[in-house]
Amino acid sequence: MNHFTPPAKKIKKDTWTKILSFSKKPLKAPLHDLKNNNTNHPGVNMANEALAVFDAIMKYQGIASKTAQLLGKKSPQELASIVIGKGLEFPDNLRDEIYCQLCKQTNNYPDLETGMKAWELMVLTCSSYPPSKALIKYVCSYLQSAIPQEGDCGRMATFALKRLTRTLQANAGRGGPLMERRLPPSESEIEAMRNRRTIIMKVYTLDGTAKTFDP
C-alpha cells in the first residue's frame, strides 16, 4: 500500500481494498505516486501517460469504458504493445505504475475471461522488465499469494513469477539494464502468450552452429 498514491486524508481498510481491486471504470489519478518522478521527461505529463496505460489495459480486457473506446479499433497485440511500450519508454516513471495497475486488475475480477486478460498482460510485463527495487518484494508477494488459487489464475500467477524471476536473473547476470528489452513483445510473442504457448527461438552463431532457447 505504501507505493500507491497517498490519500488526502486517512481512509478505511475497505476503501483500500476497493482501490487495490479490479475496476471497470477509468482511473481518475495514477495509483503510484508520480509527483517527484519526472525529472528525465520534463515536457511529458506522466499522470496522463499513466491513465492512458490503464485505458489500454481495460480495452485489452474487453471493458467498454468511454476513455478506452477512444483508443479506436486496436488488436490485442497493439494494446499489449502500448502497455509494455510505455514501461520501456519511461522506465523510471511508469514501470511501477504499470505493475500496480496490473495487480489491481488481476485482483477480485468479476469473471474468468476478464481476469485472464489482465494476467496475460502481467506475464508479458514480467517477461519484459522488472519493477523497481522498492516495489519488487511487493509484486513477488502478490504473485505468490495468487499461486494457491485453483485453475487458470494460479497457473498464470506461477507463470508470471517464473518469468519475473528469469527477467531479474537475466538483468543481474548479463549486464543489468544494458541487457533489458528495448522493444515491446513481437506479435508472435503476444499471440503465443494469449494461446498459452511457449516460443522457441533459434539463434545462429558465427561458427555456423545454432542454439535454441526459450526467451
N, C-alpha and C. Protein backbone atom coordinates (compact mmCIF):
# COMPACT_ATOMS: atom_id res chain seq x y z
N MET A 1 0.81 -1.20 0.00
CA MET A 1 0.00 0.00 0.00
C MET A 1 0.85 1.26 0.00
N ASN A 2 2.05 1.19 0.55
CA ASN A 2 2.88 2.38 0.65
C ASN A 2 3.27 2.93 -0.71
N HIS A 3 3.15 2.11 -1.76
CA HIS A 3 3.56 2.56 -3.08
C HIS A 3 2.41 3.12 -3.89
N PHE A 4 1.22 3.12 -3.35
CA PHE A 4 0.09 3.72 -4.03
C PHE A 4 -0.01 5.19 -3.63
N THR A 5 -0.65 5.97 -4.49
CA THR A 5 -0.77 7.40 -4.24
C THR A 5 -1.39 7.66 -2.88
N PRO A 6 -0.71 8.41 -2.00
CA PRO A 6 -1.25 8.64 -0.66
C PRO A 6 -2.52 9.47 -0.72
N PRO A 7 -3.54 9.10 0.05
CA PRO A 7 -4.79 9.85 0.04
C PRO A 7 -4.65 11.18 0.76
N ALA A 8 -5.61 12.08 0.49
CA ALA A 8 -5.58 13.39 1.13
C ALA A 8 -5.83 13.27 2.63
N LYS A 9 -6.56 12.24 3.03
CA LYS A 9 -6.81 12.01 4.45
C LYS A 9 -6.85 10.51 4.70
N LYS A 10 -6.81 10.13 5.95
CA LYS A 10 -6.81 8.72 6.30
C LYS A 10 -8.12 8.07 5.86
N ILE A 11 -7.98 6.89 5.23
CA ILE A 11 -9.18 6.22 4.75
C ILE A 11 -9.27 4.82 5.35
N LYS A 12 -10.46 4.26 5.27
CA LYS A 12 -10.74 2.98 5.91
C LYS A 12 -10.14 1.82 5.12
N LYS A 13 -10.01 0.68 5.79
CA LYS A 13 -9.44 -0.50 5.19
C LYS A 13 -10.23 -0.98 3.99
N ASP A 14 -11.57 -0.92 4.08
CA ASP A 14 -12.38 -1.39 2.96
C ASP A 14 -12.22 -0.50 1.73
N THR A 15 -11.88 0.77 1.96
CA THR A 15 -11.61 1.67 0.83
C THR A 15 -10.31 1.29 0.16
N TRP A 16 -9.30 0.93 0.95
CA TRP A 16 -8.04 0.44 0.37
C TRP A 16 -8.29 -0.82 -0.44
N THR A 17 -9.15 -1.69 0.08
CA THR A 17 -9.47 -2.92 -0.64
C THR A 17 -10.06 -2.60 -2.01
N LYS A 18 -10.91 -1.59 -2.06
CA LYS A 18 -11.51 -1.18 -3.32
C LYS A 18 -10.46 -0.61 -4.27
N ILE A 19 -9.56 0.20 -3.75
CA ILE A 19 -8.50 0.79 -4.57
C ILE A 19 -7.62 -0.29 -5.18
N LEU A 20 -7.37 -1.36 -4.42
CA LEU A 20 -6.47 -2.41 -4.86
C LEU A 20 -7.18 -3.53 -5.60
N SER A 21 -8.46 -3.35 -5.93
CA SER A 21 -9.23 -4.39 -6.61
C SER A 21 -9.64 -3.95 -8.01
N PHE A 22 -10.00 -4.92 -8.80
CA PHE A 22 -10.44 -4.72 -10.18
C PHE A 22 -11.45 -3.57 -10.29
N SER A 23 -11.35 -2.83 -11.38
CA SER A 23 -12.30 -1.76 -11.65
C SER A 23 -12.67 -1.76 -13.13
N LYS A 24 -13.93 -1.51 -13.42
CA LYS A 24 -14.37 -1.37 -14.80
C LYS A 24 -14.49 0.10 -15.18
N LYS A 25 -14.07 0.97 -14.26
CA LYS A 25 -14.11 2.41 -14.51
C LYS A 25 -12.69 2.94 -14.70
N PRO A 26 -12.52 3.96 -15.54
CA PRO A 26 -11.19 4.55 -15.74
C PRO A 26 -10.64 5.12 -14.43
N LEU A 27 -9.34 5.17 -14.32
CA LEU A 27 -8.72 5.80 -13.16
C LEU A 27 -8.87 7.31 -13.24
N LYS A 28 -9.04 7.94 -12.10
CA LYS A 28 -9.08 9.39 -12.04
C LYS A 28 -7.70 9.97 -11.75
N ALA A 29 -6.83 9.14 -11.22
CA ALA A 29 -5.46 9.56 -10.91
C ALA A 29 -4.58 8.31 -10.90
N PRO A 30 -3.28 8.46 -11.13
CA PRO A 30 -2.39 7.30 -11.08
C PRO A 30 -2.43 6.61 -9.73
N LEU A 31 -2.18 5.32 -9.71
CA LEU A 31 -2.13 4.57 -8.46
C LEU A 31 -0.82 4.81 -7.72
N HIS A 32 0.23 5.04 -8.48
CA HIS A 32 1.56 5.21 -7.94
C HIS A 32 1.87 6.70 -7.82
N ASP A 33 2.64 7.06 -6.84
CA ASP A 33 2.98 8.46 -6.63
C ASP A 33 4.00 8.91 -7.67
N LEU A 34 3.58 9.75 -8.61
CA LEU A 34 4.45 10.20 -9.70
C LEU A 34 4.91 11.64 -9.55
N LYS A 35 4.53 12.30 -8.47
CA LYS A 35 4.75 13.74 -8.38
C LYS A 35 6.23 14.13 -8.38
N ASN A 36 7.11 13.26 -7.88
CA ASN A 36 8.54 13.58 -7.86
C ASN A 36 9.33 12.66 -8.78
N ASN A 37 8.67 12.23 -9.86
CA ASN A 37 9.28 11.17 -10.66
C ASN A 37 9.27 11.50 -12.15
N ASN A 38 9.57 12.75 -12.49
CA ASN A 38 9.51 13.14 -13.89
C ASN A 38 10.69 14.02 -14.29
N THR A 39 11.84 13.80 -13.69
CA THR A 39 12.99 14.64 -13.98
C THR A 39 13.58 14.38 -15.36
N ASN A 40 13.43 13.17 -15.90
CA ASN A 40 14.03 12.85 -17.20
C ASN A 40 13.16 13.25 -18.38
N HIS A 41 11.88 13.53 -18.13
CA HIS A 41 10.96 13.89 -19.21
C HIS A 41 10.12 15.08 -18.77
N PRO A 42 10.72 16.26 -18.63
CA PRO A 42 10.01 17.42 -18.08
C PRO A 42 8.83 17.89 -18.92
N GLY A 43 8.82 17.57 -20.21
CA GLY A 43 7.73 18.03 -21.06
C GLY A 43 6.57 17.07 -21.16
N VAL A 44 6.65 15.96 -20.44
CA VAL A 44 5.62 14.92 -20.54
C VAL A 44 4.78 14.89 -19.27
N ASN A 45 3.48 14.84 -19.44
CA ASN A 45 2.57 14.72 -18.30
C ASN A 45 2.44 13.23 -17.95
N MET A 46 3.19 12.80 -16.95
CA MET A 46 3.23 11.38 -16.60
C MET A 46 1.90 10.87 -16.07
N ALA A 47 1.14 11.74 -15.43
CA ALA A 47 -0.18 11.31 -14.94
C ALA A 47 -1.07 10.92 -16.11
N ASN A 48 -1.05 11.72 -17.17
CA ASN A 48 -1.85 11.39 -18.36
C ASN A 48 -1.36 10.11 -19.02
N GLU A 49 -0.04 9.93 -19.05
CA GLU A 49 0.53 8.70 -19.62
C GLU A 49 0.07 7.49 -18.82
N ALA A 50 0.06 7.62 -17.50
CA ALA A 50 -0.37 6.52 -16.63
C ALA A 50 -1.84 6.18 -16.86
N LEU A 51 -2.68 7.19 -17.01
CA LEU A 51 -4.10 6.95 -17.24
C LEU A 51 -4.33 6.31 -18.61
N ALA A 52 -3.49 6.68 -19.59
CA ALA A 52 -3.61 6.08 -20.92
C ALA A 52 -3.26 4.60 -20.88
N VAL A 53 -2.30 4.23 -20.04
CA VAL A 53 -1.95 2.81 -19.89
C VAL A 53 -3.14 2.04 -19.35
N PHE A 54 -3.80 2.58 -18.34
CA PHE A 54 -4.94 1.89 -17.76
C PHE A 54 -6.08 1.75 -18.77
N ASP A 55 -6.26 2.75 -19.61
CA ASP A 55 -7.26 2.65 -20.68
C ASP A 55 -6.94 1.49 -21.61
N ALA A 56 -5.64 1.33 -21.95
CA ALA A 56 -5.23 0.24 -22.83
C ALA A 56 -5.45 -1.11 -22.15
N ILE A 57 -5.17 -1.18 -20.85
CA ILE A 57 -5.40 -2.42 -20.10
C ILE A 57 -6.89 -2.78 -20.12
N MET A 58 -7.74 -1.80 -19.86
CA MET A 58 -9.18 -2.06 -19.84
C MET A 58 -9.68 -2.51 -21.21
N LYS A 59 -9.22 -1.86 -22.25
CA LYS A 59 -9.66 -2.23 -23.60
C LYS A 59 -9.18 -3.64 -23.94
N TYR A 60 -7.96 -3.99 -23.53
CA TYR A 60 -7.45 -5.35 -23.73
C TYR A 60 -8.34 -6.36 -23.02
N GLN A 61 -8.86 -5.96 -21.85
CA GLN A 61 -9.74 -6.85 -21.09
C GLN A 61 -11.16 -6.90 -21.64
N GLY A 62 -11.45 -6.06 -22.61
CA GLY A 62 -12.79 -6.03 -23.18
C GLY A 62 -13.77 -5.16 -22.41
N ILE A 63 -13.24 -4.24 -21.60
CA ILE A 63 -14.09 -3.34 -20.82
C ILE A 63 -14.40 -2.10 -21.66
N ALA A 64 -15.67 -1.84 -21.85
CA ALA A 64 -16.09 -0.78 -22.77
C ALA A 64 -16.28 0.55 -22.05
N SER A 65 -15.22 1.11 -21.51
CA SER A 65 -15.31 2.43 -20.91
C SER A 65 -15.19 3.50 -22.00
N LYS A 66 -15.65 4.70 -21.71
CA LYS A 66 -15.59 5.77 -22.70
C LYS A 66 -14.16 6.12 -23.09
N THR A 67 -13.28 6.19 -22.10
CA THR A 67 -11.89 6.55 -22.40
C THR A 67 -11.17 5.44 -23.15
N ALA A 68 -11.48 4.19 -22.81
CA ALA A 68 -10.85 3.07 -23.52
C ALA A 68 -11.29 3.04 -24.98
N GLN A 69 -12.53 3.43 -25.25
CA GLN A 69 -13.03 3.43 -26.61
C GLN A 69 -12.33 4.47 -27.47
N LEU A 70 -11.73 5.48 -26.86
CA LEU A 70 -11.00 6.49 -27.61
C LEU A 70 -9.76 5.91 -28.30
N LEU A 71 -9.34 4.75 -27.87
CA LEU A 71 -8.19 4.10 -28.50
C LEU A 71 -8.53 3.55 -29.87
N GLY A 72 -9.82 3.48 -30.20
CA GLY A 72 -10.22 3.01 -31.52
C GLY A 72 -10.13 1.49 -31.64
N LYS A 73 -10.12 1.04 -32.87
CA LYS A 73 -10.09 -0.40 -33.15
C LYS A 73 -8.65 -0.88 -33.21
N LYS A 74 -8.15 -1.30 -32.07
CA LYS A 74 -6.79 -1.83 -32.00
C LYS A 74 -6.84 -3.31 -31.64
N SER A 75 -5.92 -4.07 -32.21
CA SER A 75 -5.84 -5.50 -31.93
C SER A 75 -5.30 -5.73 -30.53
N PRO A 76 -5.50 -6.92 -29.98
CA PRO A 76 -4.90 -7.21 -28.67
C PRO A 76 -3.39 -7.03 -28.68
N GLN A 77 -2.75 -7.36 -29.79
CA GLN A 77 -1.30 -7.19 -29.89
C GLN A 77 -0.91 -5.71 -29.80
N GLU A 78 -1.67 -4.86 -30.45
CA GLU A 78 -1.38 -3.43 -30.41
C GLU A 78 -1.59 -2.87 -29.01
N LEU A 79 -2.63 -3.31 -28.35
CA LEU A 79 -2.91 -2.84 -26.99
C LEU A 79 -1.83 -3.30 -26.01
N ALA A 80 -1.41 -4.55 -26.15
CA ALA A 80 -0.34 -5.06 -25.29
C ALA A 80 0.95 -4.29 -25.53
N SER A 81 1.21 -3.92 -26.77
CA SER A 81 2.41 -3.15 -27.10
C SER A 81 2.37 -1.77 -26.47
N ILE A 82 1.17 -1.18 -26.37
CA ILE A 82 1.03 0.12 -25.71
C ILE A 82 1.41 0.00 -24.23
N VAL A 83 0.86 -1.02 -23.57
CA VAL A 83 1.11 -1.21 -22.14
C VAL A 83 2.60 -1.46 -21.88
N ILE A 84 3.17 -2.43 -22.58
CA ILE A 84 4.59 -2.75 -22.38
C ILE A 84 5.47 -1.60 -22.85
N GLY A 85 5.09 -0.99 -23.97
CA GLY A 85 5.91 0.07 -24.55
C GLY A 85 6.05 1.29 -23.66
N LYS A 86 5.01 1.63 -22.90
CA LYS A 86 5.11 2.78 -22.02
C LYS A 86 6.15 2.55 -20.92
N GLY A 87 6.25 1.31 -20.46
CA GLY A 87 7.26 1.00 -19.46
C GLY A 87 8.66 1.02 -20.02
N LEU A 88 8.79 0.74 -21.32
CA LEU A 88 10.09 0.82 -21.99
C LEU A 88 10.46 2.27 -22.28
N GLU A 89 9.47 3.06 -22.65
CA GLU A 89 9.71 4.47 -22.98
C GLU A 89 10.02 5.30 -21.75
N PHE A 90 9.34 5.00 -20.65
CA PHE A 90 9.53 5.77 -19.41
C PHE A 90 9.84 4.82 -18.25
N PRO A 91 11.01 4.19 -18.27
CA PRO A 91 11.32 3.15 -17.27
C PRO A 91 11.33 3.65 -15.83
N ASP A 92 11.81 4.85 -15.59
CA ASP A 92 11.89 5.35 -14.22
C ASP A 92 10.57 5.93 -13.73
N ASN A 93 9.64 6.12 -14.66
CA ASN A 93 8.39 6.79 -14.31
C ASN A 93 7.19 5.86 -14.22
N LEU A 94 7.06 4.96 -15.19
CA LEU A 94 5.81 4.23 -15.33
C LEU A 94 5.86 2.74 -15.04
N ARG A 95 7.02 2.15 -14.89
CA ARG A 95 7.05 0.70 -14.67
C ARG A 95 6.33 0.29 -13.40
N ASP A 96 6.61 0.97 -12.32
CA ASP A 96 5.92 0.63 -11.06
C ASP A 96 4.42 0.89 -11.18
N GLU A 97 4.06 1.96 -11.87
CA GLU A 97 2.64 2.27 -12.07
C GLU A 97 1.95 1.15 -12.85
N ILE A 98 2.61 0.65 -13.88
CA ILE A 98 2.03 -0.43 -14.69
C ILE A 98 1.85 -1.68 -13.84
N TYR A 99 2.84 -2.01 -13.03
CA TYR A 99 2.71 -3.17 -12.15
C TYR A 99 1.57 -2.98 -11.14
N CYS A 100 1.42 -1.78 -10.59
CA CYS A 100 0.33 -1.52 -9.65
C CYS A 100 -1.02 -1.69 -10.34
N GLN A 101 -1.12 -1.18 -11.57
CA GLN A 101 -2.39 -1.29 -12.31
C GLN A 101 -2.73 -2.74 -12.61
N LEU A 102 -1.72 -3.53 -12.96
CA LEU A 102 -1.97 -4.94 -13.28
C LEU A 102 -2.30 -5.75 -12.03
N CYS A 103 -1.68 -5.41 -10.91
CA CYS A 103 -2.06 -6.07 -9.65
C CYS A 103 -3.52 -5.76 -9.35
N LYS A 104 -3.93 -4.55 -9.58
CA LYS A 104 -5.32 -4.15 -9.34
C LYS A 104 -6.28 -4.93 -10.22
N GLN A 105 -5.97 -5.03 -11.52
CA GLN A 105 -6.90 -5.66 -12.46
C GLN A 105 -6.88 -7.18 -12.41
N THR A 106 -5.90 -7.77 -11.74
CA THR A 106 -5.88 -9.22 -11.56
C THR A 106 -6.40 -9.62 -10.18
N ASN A 107 -6.94 -8.68 -9.44
CA ASN A 107 -7.40 -8.94 -8.08
C ASN A 107 -8.91 -8.71 -7.99
N ASN A 108 -9.64 -9.74 -7.56
CA ASN A 108 -11.10 -9.64 -7.38
C ASN A 108 -11.85 -9.27 -8.65
N TYR A 109 -11.42 -9.83 -9.77
CA TYR A 109 -12.11 -9.54 -11.03
C TYR A 109 -13.45 -10.30 -11.09
N PRO A 110 -14.41 -9.79 -11.89
CA PRO A 110 -15.77 -10.33 -11.86
C PRO A 110 -15.96 -11.65 -12.61
N ASP A 111 -15.15 -11.93 -13.61
CA ASP A 111 -15.30 -13.17 -14.37
C ASP A 111 -13.94 -13.62 -14.87
N LEU A 112 -13.83 -14.90 -15.18
CA LEU A 112 -12.54 -15.51 -15.51
C LEU A 112 -11.92 -14.90 -16.76
N GLU A 113 -12.70 -14.70 -17.81
CA GLU A 113 -12.15 -14.19 -19.06
C GLU A 113 -11.52 -12.81 -18.87
N THR A 114 -12.23 -11.93 -18.17
CA THR A 114 -11.71 -10.59 -17.91
C THR A 114 -10.43 -10.64 -17.09
N GLY A 115 -10.43 -11.50 -16.08
CA GLY A 115 -9.24 -11.63 -15.24
C GLY A 115 -8.05 -12.20 -15.99
N MET A 116 -8.29 -13.21 -16.83
CA MET A 116 -7.20 -13.83 -17.55
C MET A 116 -6.52 -12.88 -18.53
N LYS A 117 -7.30 -11.95 -19.08
CA LYS A 117 -6.71 -10.95 -19.98
C LYS A 117 -5.69 -10.10 -19.22
N ALA A 118 -6.04 -9.72 -17.99
CA ALA A 118 -5.10 -8.94 -17.18
C ALA A 118 -3.88 -9.78 -16.80
N TRP A 119 -4.11 -11.08 -16.53
CA TRP A 119 -2.98 -11.95 -16.22
C TRP A 119 -2.05 -12.12 -17.42
N GLU A 120 -2.61 -12.13 -18.62
CA GLU A 120 -1.76 -12.19 -19.82
C GLU A 120 -0.82 -10.99 -19.87
N LEU A 121 -1.37 -9.80 -19.60
CA LEU A 121 -0.54 -8.60 -19.60
C LEU A 121 0.48 -8.64 -18.46
N MET A 122 0.11 -9.22 -17.34
CA MET A 122 1.05 -9.34 -16.23
C MET A 122 2.24 -10.21 -16.63
N VAL A 123 1.97 -11.33 -17.27
CA VAL A 123 3.05 -12.22 -17.70
C VAL A 123 3.95 -11.52 -18.72
N LEU A 124 3.36 -10.82 -19.67
CA LEU A 124 4.15 -10.10 -20.67
C LEU A 124 5.02 -9.02 -20.03
N THR A 125 4.46 -8.34 -19.04
CA THR A 125 5.23 -7.31 -18.34
C THR A 125 6.37 -7.93 -17.55
N CYS A 126 6.08 -9.01 -16.84
CA CYS A 126 7.13 -9.70 -16.08
C CYS A 126 8.23 -10.23 -16.99
N SER A 127 7.88 -10.56 -18.21
CA SER A 127 8.85 -11.06 -19.18
C SER A 127 9.68 -9.95 -19.80
N SER A 128 9.20 -8.71 -19.66
CA SER A 128 9.84 -7.58 -20.35
C SER A 128 10.77 -6.77 -19.46
N TYR A 129 10.35 -6.49 -18.24
CA TYR A 129 11.18 -5.70 -17.33
C TYR A 129 10.64 -5.86 -15.91
N PRO A 130 11.50 -5.66 -14.91
CA PRO A 130 11.06 -5.79 -13.52
C PRO A 130 10.56 -4.46 -12.97
N PRO A 131 9.86 -4.49 -11.86
CA PRO A 131 9.55 -3.23 -11.16
C PRO A 131 10.81 -2.72 -10.47
N SER A 132 10.70 -1.60 -9.79
CA SER A 132 11.85 -1.05 -9.08
C SER A 132 12.21 -1.93 -7.89
N LYS A 133 13.41 -1.70 -7.36
CA LYS A 133 13.84 -2.44 -6.18
C LYS A 133 12.91 -2.19 -5.00
N ALA A 134 12.33 -1.01 -4.95
CA ALA A 134 11.43 -0.68 -3.84
C ALA A 134 10.12 -1.46 -3.93
N LEU A 135 9.71 -1.83 -5.15
CA LEU A 135 8.40 -2.48 -5.33
C LEU A 135 8.51 -3.99 -5.53
N ILE A 136 9.68 -4.49 -5.87
CA ILE A 136 9.81 -5.88 -6.30
C ILE A 136 9.29 -6.87 -5.26
N LYS A 137 9.58 -6.64 -3.98
CA LYS A 137 9.15 -7.62 -2.97
C LYS A 137 7.63 -7.66 -2.84
N TYR A 138 6.98 -6.52 -3.09
CA TYR A 138 5.52 -6.48 -3.01
C TYR A 138 4.89 -7.21 -4.20
N VAL A 139 5.48 -7.04 -5.38
CA VAL A 139 4.97 -7.73 -6.57
C VAL A 139 5.15 -9.23 -6.42
N CYS A 140 6.33 -9.65 -5.98
CA CYS A 140 6.57 -11.08 -5.78
C CYS A 140 5.62 -11.66 -4.74
N SER A 141 5.40 -10.92 -3.67
CA SER A 141 4.48 -11.39 -2.63
C SER A 141 3.06 -11.51 -3.18
N TYR A 142 2.66 -10.56 -4.01
CA TYR A 142 1.32 -10.62 -4.59
C TYR A 142 1.18 -11.83 -5.50
N LEU A 143 2.18 -12.07 -6.34
CA LEU A 143 2.12 -13.22 -7.25
C LEU A 143 2.10 -14.53 -6.46
N GLN A 144 2.91 -14.61 -5.42
CA GLN A 144 2.94 -15.82 -4.60
C GLN A 144 1.60 -16.06 -3.91
N SER A 145 0.93 -14.98 -3.52
CA SER A 145 -0.36 -15.13 -2.85
C SER A 145 -1.44 -15.63 -3.80
N ALA A 146 -1.26 -15.40 -5.11
CA ALA A 146 -2.25 -15.84 -6.10
C ALA A 146 -2.02 -17.26 -6.57
N ILE A 147 -0.83 -17.80 -6.37
CA ILE A 147 -0.49 -19.14 -6.87
C ILE A 147 -1.39 -20.24 -6.29
N PRO A 148 -1.74 -20.21 -5.00
CA PRO A 148 -2.58 -21.29 -4.47
C PRO A 148 -4.00 -21.34 -5.04
N GLN A 149 -4.42 -20.30 -5.73
CA GLN A 149 -5.77 -20.31 -6.28
C GLN A 149 -5.90 -21.39 -7.35
N GLU A 150 -7.06 -21.99 -7.42
CA GLU A 150 -7.28 -23.07 -8.36
C GLU A 150 -7.45 -22.56 -9.79
N GLY A 151 -7.15 -23.42 -10.75
CA GLY A 151 -7.42 -23.11 -12.15
C GLY A 151 -6.41 -22.19 -12.79
N ASP A 152 -6.89 -21.46 -13.81
CA ASP A 152 -6.01 -20.64 -14.63
C ASP A 152 -5.33 -19.52 -13.84
N CYS A 153 -6.01 -18.97 -12.84
CA CYS A 153 -5.42 -17.88 -12.06
C CYS A 153 -4.11 -18.32 -11.41
N GLY A 154 -4.14 -19.46 -10.73
CA GLY A 154 -2.93 -19.96 -10.07
C GLY A 154 -1.84 -20.28 -11.07
N ARG A 155 -2.23 -20.86 -12.22
CA ARG A 155 -1.23 -21.19 -13.25
C ARG A 155 -0.59 -19.94 -13.84
N MET A 156 -1.41 -18.92 -14.08
CA MET A 156 -0.87 -17.69 -14.65
C MET A 156 0.01 -16.96 -13.64
N ALA A 157 -0.36 -16.98 -12.36
CA ALA A 157 0.47 -16.37 -11.33
C ALA A 157 1.82 -17.08 -11.23
N THR A 158 1.79 -18.40 -11.33
CA THR A 158 3.03 -19.18 -11.32
C THR A 158 3.90 -18.81 -12.51
N PHE A 159 3.28 -18.72 -13.68
CA PHE A 159 3.99 -18.38 -14.90
C PHE A 159 4.58 -16.97 -14.79
N ALA A 160 3.80 -16.02 -14.28
CA ALA A 160 4.26 -14.65 -14.14
C ALA A 160 5.46 -14.56 -13.20
N LEU A 161 5.40 -15.26 -12.08
CA LEU A 161 6.50 -15.24 -11.13
C LEU A 161 7.75 -15.87 -11.73
N LYS A 162 7.57 -16.94 -12.48
CA LYS A 162 8.70 -17.58 -13.16
C LYS A 162 9.34 -16.63 -14.15
N ARG A 163 8.52 -15.93 -14.94
CA ARG A 163 9.06 -15.00 -15.94
C ARG A 163 9.76 -13.82 -15.26
N LEU A 164 9.18 -13.32 -14.17
CA LEU A 164 9.80 -12.22 -13.46
C LEU A 164 11.14 -12.64 -12.87
N THR A 165 11.20 -13.84 -12.33
CA THR A 165 12.46 -14.35 -11.78
C THR A 165 13.52 -14.44 -12.86
N ARG A 166 13.15 -14.93 -14.03
CA ARG A 166 14.09 -15.02 -15.14
C ARG A 166 14.54 -13.65 -15.61
N THR A 167 13.62 -12.69 -15.62
CA THR A 167 13.98 -11.33 -16.02
C THR A 167 14.99 -10.73 -15.05
N LEU A 168 14.76 -10.93 -13.76
CA LEU A 168 15.68 -10.43 -12.74
C LEU A 168 17.05 -11.09 -12.86
N GLN A 169 17.05 -12.40 -13.08
CA GLN A 169 18.31 -13.13 -13.22
C GLN A 169 19.07 -12.70 -14.46
N ALA A 170 18.35 -12.48 -15.55
CA ALA A 170 18.99 -12.05 -16.80
C ALA A 170 19.63 -10.68 -16.64
N ASN A 171 18.91 -9.77 -15.99
CA ASN A 171 19.45 -8.42 -15.79
C ASN A 171 20.65 -8.42 -14.87
N ALA A 172 20.63 -9.30 -13.86
CA ALA A 172 21.73 -9.36 -12.90
C ALA A 172 22.96 -10.04 -13.49
N GLY A 173 22.73 -11.00 -14.37
CA GLY A 173 23.84 -11.80 -14.88
C GLY A 173 24.41 -11.40 -16.22
N ARG A 174 23.69 -10.48 -16.93
CA ARG A 174 24.16 -10.15 -18.27
C ARG A 174 24.26 -8.64 -18.52
N GLY A 175 24.66 -7.93 -17.48
CA GLY A 175 24.91 -6.52 -17.68
C GLY A 175 23.83 -5.59 -17.19
N GLY A 176 22.88 -6.09 -16.45
CA GLY A 176 21.86 -5.23 -15.86
C GLY A 176 21.01 -4.54 -16.90
N PRO A 177 20.71 -3.25 -16.68
CA PRO A 177 19.82 -2.52 -17.59
C PRO A 177 20.28 -2.53 -19.04
N LEU A 178 21.57 -2.69 -19.27
CA LEU A 178 22.06 -2.73 -20.65
C LEU A 178 21.49 -3.90 -21.43
N MET A 179 21.06 -4.94 -20.74
CA MET A 179 20.55 -6.13 -21.40
C MET A 179 19.02 -6.19 -21.40
N GLU A 180 18.38 -5.13 -20.94
CA GLU A 180 16.92 -5.14 -20.89
C GLU A 180 16.33 -5.05 -22.29
N ARG A 181 15.10 -5.51 -22.41
CA ARG A 181 14.37 -5.42 -23.66
C ARG A 181 14.28 -3.96 -24.10
N ARG A 182 14.45 -3.73 -25.40
CA ARG A 182 14.37 -2.39 -25.94
C ARG A 182 13.05 -2.13 -26.68
N LEU A 183 12.42 -3.19 -27.17
CA LEU A 183 11.19 -3.06 -27.93
C LEU A 183 10.08 -3.87 -27.29
N PRO A 184 8.81 -3.49 -27.50
CA PRO A 184 7.69 -4.27 -26.97
C PRO A 184 7.70 -5.68 -27.56
N PRO A 185 7.03 -6.64 -26.93
CA PRO A 185 6.98 -8.00 -27.47
C PRO A 185 6.44 -8.02 -28.90
N SER A 186 6.98 -8.92 -29.69
CA SER A 186 6.52 -9.05 -31.07
C SER A 186 5.11 -9.63 -31.11
N GLU A 187 4.49 -9.53 -32.27
CA GLU A 187 3.15 -10.08 -32.43
C GLU A 187 3.12 -11.57 -32.14
N SER A 188 4.18 -12.29 -32.55
CA SER A 188 4.22 -13.74 -32.31
C SER A 188 4.35 -14.05 -30.83
N GLU A 189 5.11 -13.24 -30.08
CA GLU A 189 5.24 -13.43 -28.64
C GLU A 189 3.90 -13.23 -27.94
N ILE A 190 3.22 -12.14 -28.31
CA ILE A 190 1.95 -11.84 -27.68
C ILE A 190 0.90 -12.90 -28.02
N GLU A 191 0.90 -13.33 -29.27
CA GLU A 191 -0.07 -14.34 -29.67
C GLU A 191 0.21 -15.66 -28.96
N ALA A 192 1.48 -16.00 -28.79
CA ALA A 192 1.84 -17.22 -28.06
C ALA A 192 1.36 -17.15 -26.62
N MET A 193 1.50 -15.97 -26.01
CA MET A 193 1.05 -15.81 -24.62
C MET A 193 -0.46 -15.95 -24.53
N ARG A 194 -1.17 -15.36 -25.48
CA ARG A 194 -2.63 -15.43 -25.45
C ARG A 194 -3.13 -16.87 -25.62
N ASN A 195 -2.34 -17.68 -26.33
CA ASN A 195 -2.71 -19.08 -26.55
C ASN A 195 -1.99 -20.04 -25.62
N ARG A 196 -1.29 -19.45 -24.60
CA ARG A 196 -0.57 -20.24 -23.58
C ARG A 196 0.48 -21.16 -24.23
N ARG A 197 1.18 -20.65 -25.25
CA ARG A 197 2.22 -21.43 -25.91
C ARG A 197 3.59 -20.83 -25.60
N THR A 198 4.61 -21.68 -25.66
CA THR A 198 5.99 -21.24 -25.46
C THR A 198 6.65 -20.99 -26.81
N ILE A 199 7.40 -19.90 -26.91
CA ILE A 199 8.14 -19.60 -28.14
C ILE A 199 9.55 -20.16 -28.01
N ILE A 200 9.96 -20.89 -29.01
CA ILE A 200 11.32 -21.41 -29.06
C ILE A 200 12.07 -20.63 -30.14
N MET A 201 13.15 -19.97 -29.74
CA MET A 201 13.93 -19.17 -30.68
C MET A 201 15.21 -19.91 -31.07
N LYS A 202 15.58 -19.79 -32.34
CA LYS A 202 16.81 -20.39 -32.82
C LYS A 202 17.78 -19.28 -33.19
N VAL A 203 18.97 -19.34 -32.63
CA VAL A 203 19.99 -18.33 -32.87
C VAL A 203 21.20 -18.99 -33.51
N TYR A 204 21.65 -18.42 -34.62
CA TYR A 204 22.82 -18.93 -35.33
C TYR A 204 24.05 -18.14 -34.91
N THR A 205 25.10 -18.86 -34.53
CA THR A 205 26.33 -18.22 -34.08
C THR A 205 27.33 -18.08 -35.23
N LEU A 206 28.42 -17.38 -34.97
CA LEU A 206 29.40 -17.10 -36.03
C LEU A 206 30.09 -18.36 -36.55
N ASP A 207 30.15 -19.41 -35.74
CA ASP A 207 30.81 -20.64 -36.20
C ASP A 207 29.87 -21.54 -36.99
N GLY A 208 28.64 -21.05 -37.26
CA GLY A 208 27.72 -21.81 -38.08
C GLY A 208 26.79 -22.73 -37.32
N THR A 209 26.99 -22.84 -36.02
CA THR A 209 26.10 -23.69 -35.22
C THR A 209 24.86 -22.90 -34.81
N ALA A 210 23.85 -23.62 -34.37
CA ALA A 210 22.60 -22.99 -33.96
C ALA A 210 22.22 -23.44 -32.56
N LYS A 211 21.66 -22.53 -31.82
CA LYS A 211 21.18 -22.85 -30.48
C LYS A 211 19.72 -22.42 -30.37
N THR A 212 18.95 -23.20 -29.64
CA THR A 212 17.57 -22.86 -29.40
C THR A 212 17.35 -22.60 -27.93
N PHE A 213 16.47 -21.66 -27.63
CA PHE A 213 16.17 -21.37 -26.24
C PHE A 213 14.81 -20.73 -26.13
N ASP A 214 14.29 -20.79 -24.90
CA ASP A 214 13.02 -20.17 -24.55
C ASP A 214 13.33 -18.81 -23.97
N PRO A 215 13.00 -17.71 -24.68
CA PRO A 215 13.40 -16.38 -24.22
C PRO A 215 12.69 -15.99 -22.93
